[in-house]
């Protein structure tokens, strides 16, 4: 896990530095590489209707043998991909349970996204956005060029102000 004293952006950059993002970007290829590194498959599924209706738009269920990533199906392809990237962000950050909850490592990891108020949700969300920005213009069918300053605006919206150590 990236060092906690580093800024959120720097922690995301550390993880991004270890990702081999294909050009053109492929979510399937990223999932396959992560699955290989973790030694278990990552299975993508649409959220059950009941979960989507309750306000959850993404969910990661990690077991000892497989990682299940659920996404809201009734949205745009770009948003679906972003939801999956967010859930992969939880995996990449090594999140193991809802903050404040105990997990002995044997119980399945279940993280659902309904808001961005916790540190874990902010980490996963910014990492997903940084992956999208990094792969923008890579020939990806859903890629749109990131406007100048998009990362700074995203960080500001999430309550993170960039300081001199962050390059801002």
Protein backbone atom coordinates (compact mmCIF):
# COMPACT_ATOMS: atom_id res chain seq x y z
CA UNK A 1 0.00 0.00 0.00
CA UNK A 2 1.34 3.46 -0.85
CA UNK A 3 2.73 5.47 2.06
CA UNK A 4 -0.12 7.26 3.90
CA UNK A 5 1.89 10.44 4.52
CA UNK A 6 2.10 11.13 0.81
CA UNK A 7 -0.63 13.23 -0.71
CA UNK A 8 -3.59 11.41 -2.24
CA UNK A 9 -2.42 12.37 -5.72
CA UNK A 10 1.12 11.11 -5.06
CA UNK A 11 -0.22 7.80 -3.69
CA UNK A 12 -2.26 7.39 -6.88
CA UNK A 13 0.79 8.23 -9.00
CA UNK A 14 2.80 5.53 -7.20
CA UNK A 15 0.16 2.95 -8.16
CA UNK A 16 -0.12 4.31 -11.71
CA UNK A 17 3.64 3.96 -12.05
CA UNK A 18 3.29 0.20 -11.55
CA UNK A 19 0.42 -0.23 -14.02
CA UNK A 20 1.14 -1.21 -17.59
CA UNK A 21 -1.69 0.70 -19.24
CA UNK A 22 -2.09 -0.48 -22.80
CA UNK A 23 -2.40 1.89 -25.74
CA UNK A 24 -5.12 1.82 -26.83
CA UNK A 25 -6.48 1.33 -23.33
CA UNK A 26 -8.37 -1.89 -22.67
CA UNK A 27 -10.30 -2.46 -19.46
CA UNK A 28 -10.31 -6.19 -20.19
CA UNK A 29 -6.52 -6.20 -20.52
CA UNK A 30 -6.14 -4.28 -17.25
CA UNK A 31 -8.44 -6.75 -15.47
CA UNK A 32 -6.49 -9.69 -16.93
CA UNK A 33 -3.14 -8.26 -15.73
CA UNK A 34 -4.51 -7.55 -12.24
CA UNK A 35 -6.03 -11.03 -12.08
CA UNK A 36 -2.69 -12.56 -13.04
CA UNK A 37 -0.86 -10.50 -10.37
CA UNK A 38 -3.42 -11.47 -7.72
CA UNK A 39 -3.56 -15.14 -8.74
CA UNK A 40 -7.34 -15.15 -9.08
CA UNK A 41 -9.80 -14.05 -11.75
CA UNK A 42 -11.65 -10.74 -11.77
CA UNK A 43 -15.24 -11.24 -12.90
CA UNK A 44 -17.31 -8.27 -14.06
CA UNK A 45 -21.09 -8.36 -13.62
CA UNK A 46 -23.97 -5.90 -13.79
CA UNK A 47 -25.37 -5.01 -10.37
CA UNK A 48 -28.58 -6.77 -9.42
CA UNK A 49 -31.53 -4.41 -9.92
CA UNK A 50 -32.23 -4.28 -6.18
CA UNK A 51 -28.70 -3.07 -5.41
CA UNK A 52 -28.83 -0.41 -8.11
CA UNK A 53 -32.21 0.78 -6.85
CA UNK A 54 -30.78 1.14 -3.33
CA UNK A 55 -28.26 3.72 -4.56
CA UNK A 56 -25.17 1.53 -5.00
CA UNK A 57 -23.51 2.06 -8.37
CA UNK A 58 -20.49 -0.20 -7.91
CA UNK A 59 -19.44 -3.05 -5.68
CA UNK A 60 -16.34 -5.17 -5.16
CA UNK A 61 -16.63 -8.56 -3.50
CA UNK A 62 -13.22 -10.12 -2.98
CA UNK A 63 -13.00 -13.74 -1.92
CA UNK A 64 -9.97 -16.00 -1.53
CA UNK A 65 -10.48 -17.40 -5.03
CA UNK A 66 -12.11 -14.67 -7.14
CA UNK A 67 -12.76 -10.92 -7.23
CA UNK A 68 -16.26 -9.92 -8.33
CA UNK A 69 -16.76 -6.38 -9.57
CA UNK A 70 -20.36 -5.26 -10.02
CA UNK A 71 -21.30 -2.12 -11.96
CA UNK A 72 -24.46 -0.17 -12.74
CA UNK A 73 -25.60 -1.42 -16.13
CA UNK A 74 -28.21 1.27 -16.82
CA UNK A 75 -25.74 4.04 -17.57
CA UNK A 76 -23.38 5.10 -20.36
CA UNK A 77 -20.47 2.88 -21.42
CA UNK A 78 -18.01 5.54 -20.17
CA UNK A 79 -19.68 5.66 -16.75
CA UNK A 80 -19.79 1.84 -16.51
CA UNK A 81 -16.07 1.71 -17.23
CA UNK A 82 -15.38 4.41 -14.64
CA UNK A 83 -17.34 2.44 -12.03
CA UNK A 84 -15.25 -0.65 -12.78
CA UNK A 85 -12.04 1.41 -12.60
CA UNK A 86 -13.16 2.77 -9.22
CA UNK A 87 -13.70 -0.76 -7.88
CA UNK A 88 -10.32 -1.82 -9.31
CA UNK A 89 -8.92 1.18 -7.43
CA UNK A 90 -10.01 -0.46 -4.18
CA UNK A 91 -8.15 -3.61 -5.23
CA UNK A 92 -5.03 -1.67 -6.25
CA UNK A 93 -4.98 0.27 -2.97
CA UNK A 94 -5.34 -2.96 -1.02
CA UNK A 95 -8.53 -1.92 0.73
CA UNK A 96 -9.82 -4.83 2.80
CA UNK A 97 -12.99 -3.68 4.52
CA UNK A 98 -15.25 -0.76 5.14
CA UNK A 99 -13.28 1.72 7.22
CA UNK A 100 -13.76 1.03 10.90
CA UNK A 101 -14.92 -2.56 10.30
CA UNK A 102 -12.78 -5.49 11.30
CA UNK A 103 -11.78 -8.17 8.80
CA UNK A 104 -9.62 -11.12 9.79
CA UNK A 105 -8.51 -11.68 6.19
CA UNK A 106 -10.67 -14.78 5.73
CA UNK A 107 -14.01 -13.06 5.31
CA UNK A 108 -14.88 -11.78 1.85
CA UNK A 109 -14.12 -8.13 1.16
CA UNK A 110 -17.30 -6.29 0.28
CA UNK A 111 -16.99 -2.63 -0.64
CA UNK A 112 -19.93 -0.80 -2.18
CA UNK A 113 -19.84 2.70 -3.55
CA UNK A 114 -22.62 5.09 -2.59
CA UNK A 115 -20.62 8.21 -1.68
CA UNK A 116 -17.09 9.62 -1.65
CA UNK A 117 -16.73 10.71 1.97
CA UNK A 118 -14.33 8.03 3.23
CA UNK A 119 -10.59 8.00 2.56
CA UNK A 120 -10.91 4.68 0.74
CA UNK A 121 -13.63 6.00 -1.56
CA UNK A 122 -11.62 9.13 -2.32
CA UNK A 123 -8.52 7.05 -3.09
CA UNK A 124 -10.41 4.72 -5.43
CA UNK A 125 -12.23 7.57 -7.15
CA UNK A 126 -9.16 9.67 -7.81
CA UNK A 127 -7.20 6.64 -9.04
CA UNK A 128 -10.02 5.75 -11.46
CA UNK A 129 -10.07 9.33 -12.74
CA UNK A 130 -6.30 9.43 -13.12
CA UNK A 131 -6.37 6.20 -15.14
CA UNK A 132 -8.99 7.77 -17.42
CA UNK A 133 -6.93 10.96 -17.78
CA UNK A 134 -3.72 8.99 -18.41
CA UNK A 135 -5.39 6.92 -21.14
CA UNK A 136 -7.32 9.79 -22.76
CA UNK A 137 -6.49 10.08 -26.41
CA UNK A 138 -4.98 6.58 -26.51
CA UNK A 139 -7.38 5.43 -29.19
CA UNK A 140 -9.81 4.13 -26.59
CA UNK A 141 -13.40 4.21 -27.94
CA UNK A 142 -14.71 6.02 -24.83
CA UNK A 143 -11.71 8.28 -24.30
CA UNK A 144 -12.17 12.01 -24.37
CA UNK A 145 -9.25 14.38 -24.05
CA UNK A 146 -8.91 15.59 -20.48
CA UNK A 147 -9.33 19.34 -20.28
CA UNK A 148 -6.37 21.26 -18.90
CA UNK A 149 -6.58 21.34 -15.13
CA UNK A 150 -9.14 18.51 -14.95
CA UNK A 151 -7.18 16.69 -12.26
CA UNK A 152 -6.84 19.82 -10.13
CA UNK A 153 -10.61 20.49 -10.43
CA UNK A 154 -11.39 16.88 -9.51
CA UNK A 155 -9.10 17.03 -6.48
CA UNK A 156 -10.65 20.34 -5.42
CA UNK A 157 -14.16 18.92 -5.74
CA UNK A 158 -13.11 16.02 -3.52
CA UNK A 159 -11.74 18.43 -0.91
CA UNK A 160 -8.04 18.11 -1.73
CA UNK A 161 -6.11 21.28 -2.37
CA UNK A 162 -2.75 20.93 -4.05
CA UNK A 163 0.21 22.38 -2.23
CA UNK A 164 3.80 23.09 -3.24
CA UNK A 165 4.85 19.47 -2.53
CA UNK A 166 2.12 18.26 -4.92
CA UNK A 167 3.26 20.46 -7.77
CA UNK A 168 0.46 23.00 -7.32
